[in-house]
Amino acid sequence: FGKDGSAFHGLPVMFVSTLCSSFCANVVANPFDVVKSRMQNMPIAADGSAAYSSMVDCFLKSIRSEGIFVLWYGFTPGFVKLAPYTVICLTLADKVTRAMTGKDAL
């Protein structure tokens, strides 16, 4: 596509591909972050009993009580935080590698 495949190179393609990778990373990691946060913030009763006995228990109870989409609560703030970091880091890694070695990093 394009002259010598030139349409698949450059900053616009790097920007879109890093945004896509950031989105995918957030989709995969967010459920674990939700469960981790719920485990950290769960109240402990006076008798020492807890709402969740393990991460798997937290995962299952959360889905049963609030539905599957509970695992992606907080997706937007996480994506807004991760996307610029990913774009900057991967683009910078590619440009520095190209400057130092003459080859593309990605």
C-alpha atoms as a PDB file:
ATOM      1  CA  PHE A   1       0.000   0.000   0.000  1.00  0.00           C
ATOM      2  CA  GLY A   2       1.627   3.202  -1.084  1.00  0.00           C
ATOM      3  CA  LYS A   3       4.984   3.590  -2.723  1.00  0.00           C
ATOM      4  CA  ASP A   4       7.262   0.849  -1.338  1.00  0.00           C
ATOM      5  CA  GLY A   5       4.790   0.224   1.492  1.00  0.00           C
ATOM      6  CA  SER A   6       5.378   3.735   2.778  1.00  0.00           C
ATOM      7  CA  ALA A   7       1.782   4.077   3.990  1.00  0.00           C
ATOM      8  CA  PHE A   8       2.610   1.646   6.809  1.00  0.00           C
ATOM      9  CA  HIS A   9       5.468   3.706   8.283  1.00  0.00           C
ATOM     10  CA  GLY A  10       5.813   6.931  10.172  1.00  0.00           C
ATOM     11  CA  LEU A  11       4.380   8.613  13.221  1.00  0.00           C
ATOM     12  CA  PRO A  12       0.660   8.280  12.377  1.00  0.00           C
ATOM     13  CA  VAL A  13       0.925   4.500  12.135  1.00  0.00           C
ATOM     14  CA  MET A  14       3.110   4.373  15.248  1.00  0.00           C
ATOM     15  CA  PHE A  15       0.558   6.498  17.122  1.00  0.00           C
ATOM     16  CA  VAL A  16      -2.404   4.313  16.133  1.00  0.00           C
ATOM     17  CA  SER A  17      -0.584   1.052  16.809  1.00  0.00           C
ATOM     18  CA  THR A  18       0.586   2.161  20.250  1.00  0.00           C
ATOM     19  CA  LEU A  19      -2.936   3.318  21.123  1.00  0.00           C
ATOM     20  CA  CYS A  20      -4.257  -0.096  20.080  1.00  0.00           C
ATOM     21  CA  SER A  21      -1.643  -1.878  22.185  1.00  0.00           C
ATOM     22  CA  SER A  22      -2.493   0.330  25.162  1.00  0.00           C
ATOM     23  CA  PHE A  23      -6.194  -0.444  24.731  1.00  0.00           C
ATOM     24  CA  CYS A  24      -5.521  -4.197  24.579  1.00  0.00           C
ATOM     25  CA  ALA A  25      -3.245  -4.065  27.626  1.00  0.00           C
ATOM     26  CA  ASN A  26      -5.954  -2.262  29.571  1.00  0.00           C
ATOM     27  CA  VAL A  27      -8.647  -4.747  28.515  1.00  0.00           C
ATOM     28  CA  VAL A  28      -6.520  -7.630  29.793  1.00  0.00           C
ATOM     29  CA  ALA A  29      -5.128  -6.013  32.956  1.00  0.00           C
ATOM     30  CA  ASN A  30      -8.184  -4.131  34.255  1.00  0.00           C
ATOM     31  CA  PRO A  31     -10.027  -7.178  35.680  1.00  0.00           C
ATOM     32  CA  PHE A  32      -6.978  -8.033  37.799  1.00  0.00           C
ATOM     33  CA  ASP A  33      -6.729  -4.442  38.980  1.00  0.00           C
ATOM     34  CA  VAL A  34     -10.408  -4.389  39.982  1.00  0.00           C
ATOM     35  CA  VAL A  35     -10.038  -7.600  41.981  1.00  0.00           C
ATOM     36  CA  LYS A  36      -6.815  -6.351  43.589  1.00  0.00           C
ATOM     37  CA  SER A  37      -8.492  -3.092  44.627  1.00  0.00           C
ATOM     38  CA  ARG A  38     -11.494  -4.901  46.060  1.00  0.00           C
ATOM     39  CA  MET A  39      -9.238  -7.228  48.043  1.00  0.00           C
ATOM     40  CA  GLN A  40      -7.232  -4.297  49.416  1.00  0.00           C
ATOM     41  CA  ASN A  41     -10.328  -2.298  50.373  1.00  0.00           C
ATOM     42  CA  MET A  42     -12.514  -5.075  51.797  1.00  0.00           C
ATOM     43  CA  PRO A  43     -13.668  -4.533  55.355  1.00  0.00           C
ATOM     44  CA  ILE A  44     -12.613  -7.007  58.013  1.00  0.00           C
ATOM     45  CA  ALA A  45     -15.297  -7.817  60.598  1.00  0.00           C
ATOM     46  CA  ALA A  46     -14.628  -7.632  64.337  1.00  0.00           C
ATOM     47  CA  ASP A  47     -14.439 -11.427  64.485  1.00  0.00           C
ATOM     48  CA  GLY A  48     -11.693 -11.433  61.840  1.00  0.00           C
ATOM     49  CA  SER A  49     -13.824 -12.679  58.943  1.00  0.00           C
ATOM     50  CA  ALA A  50     -13.410 -11.090  55.520  1.00  0.00           C
ATOM     51  CA  ALA A  51     -15.789 -10.590  52.615  1.00  0.00           C
ATOM     52  CA  TYR A  52     -13.505 -12.555  50.266  1.00  0.00           C
ATOM     53  CA  SER A  53     -11.359 -15.565  51.036  1.00  0.00           C
ATOM     54  CA  SER A  54      -9.168 -15.323  47.907  1.00  0.00           C
ATOM     55  CA  MET A  55      -8.793 -13.475  44.627  1.00  0.00           C
ATOM     56  CA  VAL A  56     -10.814 -16.161  42.854  1.00  0.00           C
ATOM     57  CA  ASP A  57     -13.574 -15.806  45.454  1.00  0.00           C
ATOM     58  CA  CYS A  58     -13.558 -12.028  44.956  1.00  0.00           C
ATOM     59  CA  PHE A  59     -13.649 -12.474  41.183  1.00  0.00           C
ATOM     60  CA  LEU A  60     -16.627 -14.861  41.313  1.00  0.00           C
ATOM     61  CA  LYS A  61     -18.611 -12.937  43.938  1.00  0.00           C
ATOM     62  CA  SER A  62     -18.122  -9.666  42.052  1.00  0.00           C
ATOM     63  CA  ILE A  63     -19.368 -11.171  38.792  1.00  0.00           C
ATOM     64  CA  ARG A  64     -22.353 -12.858  40.496  1.00  0.00           C
ATOM     65  CA  SER A  65     -23.465  -9.715  42.277  1.00  0.00           C
ATOM     66  CA  GLU A  66     -22.712  -7.010  39.688  1.00  0.00           C
ATOM     67  CA  GLY A  67     -22.311  -8.759  36.326  1.00  0.00           C
ATOM     68  CA  ILE A  68     -19.325  -9.422  34.092  1.00  0.00           C
ATOM     69  CA  PHE A  69     -18.736  -5.759  33.246  1.00  0.00           C
ATOM     70  CA  VAL A  70     -17.776  -5.055  36.857  1.00  0.00           C
ATOM     71  CA  LEU A  71     -14.318  -6.267  35.872  1.00  0.00           C
ATOM     72  CA  TRP A  72     -13.828  -3.216  33.670  1.00  0.00           C
ATOM     73  CA  TYR A  73     -14.930  -0.555  36.142  1.00  0.00           C
ATOM     74  CA  GLY A  74     -12.351   2.204  35.971  1.00  0.00           C
ATOM     75  CA  PHE A  75     -11.336   1.319  32.421  1.00  0.00           C
ATOM     76  CA  THR A  76     -11.436   4.908  31.168  1.00  0.00           C
ATOM     77  CA  PRO A  77      -9.131   6.437  33.816  1.00  0.00           C
ATOM     78  CA  GLY A  78      -6.739   3.535  33.377  1.00  0.00           C
ATOM     79  CA  PHE A  79      -6.679   3.976  29.616  1.00  0.00           C
ATOM     80  CA  VAL A  80      -6.239   7.747  29.904  1.00  0.00           C
ATOM     81  CA  LYS A  81      -3.241   7.094  32.171  1.00  0.00           C
ATOM     82  CA  LEU A  82      -1.683   4.285  30.120  1.00  0.00           C
ATOM     83  CA  ALA A  83      -2.234   5.557  26.560  1.00  0.00           C
ATOM     84  CA  PRO A  84       0.094   8.598  26.648  1.00  0.00           C
ATOM     85  CA  TYR A  85       2.767   6.575  28.452  1.00  0.00           C
ATOM     86  CA  THR A  86       2.603   3.823  25.817  1.00  0.00           C
ATOM     87  CA  VAL A  87       2.630   6.247  22.886  1.00  0.00           C
ATOM     88  CA  ILE A  88       5.617   8.161  24.247  1.00  0.00           C
ATOM     89  CA  CYS A  89       7.648   5.121  25.326  1.00  0.00           C
ATOM     90  CA  LEU A  90       7.192   2.981  22.220  1.00  0.00           C
ATOM     91  CA  THR A  91       7.652   5.896  19.824  1.00  0.00           C
ATOM     92  CA  LEU A  92      10.757   7.048  21.683  1.00  0.00           C
ATOM     93  CA  ALA A  93      12.145   3.499  21.760  1.00  0.00           C
ATOM     94  CA  ASP A  94      11.698   3.220  18.008  1.00  0.00           C
ATOM     95  CA  LYS A  95      13.266   6.601  17.261  1.00  0.00           C
ATOM     96  CA  VAL A  96      16.244   6.111  19.596  1.00  0.00           C
ATOM     97  CA  THR A  97      16.896   2.613  18.254  1.00  0.00           C
ATOM     98  CA  ARG A  98      16.733   3.890  14.697  1.00  0.00           C
ATOM     99  CA  ALA A  99      19.153   6.727  15.539  1.00  0.00           C
ATOM    100  CA  MET A 100      21.608   4.387  17.291  1.00  0.00           C
ATOM    101  CA  THR A 101      21.466   1.290  15.052  1.00  0.00           C
ATOM    102  CA  GLY A 102      19.890   2.443  11.812  1.00  0.00           C
ATOM    103  CA  LYS A 103      17.163  -0.203  12.186  1.00  0.00           C
ATOM    104  CA  ASP A 104      13.563   0.010  13.370  1.00  0.00           C
ATOM    105  CA  ALA A 105      12.944  -1.236  16.911  1.00  0.00           C
ATOM    106  CA  LEU A 106       9.349  -2.216  16.314  1.00  0.00           C
END
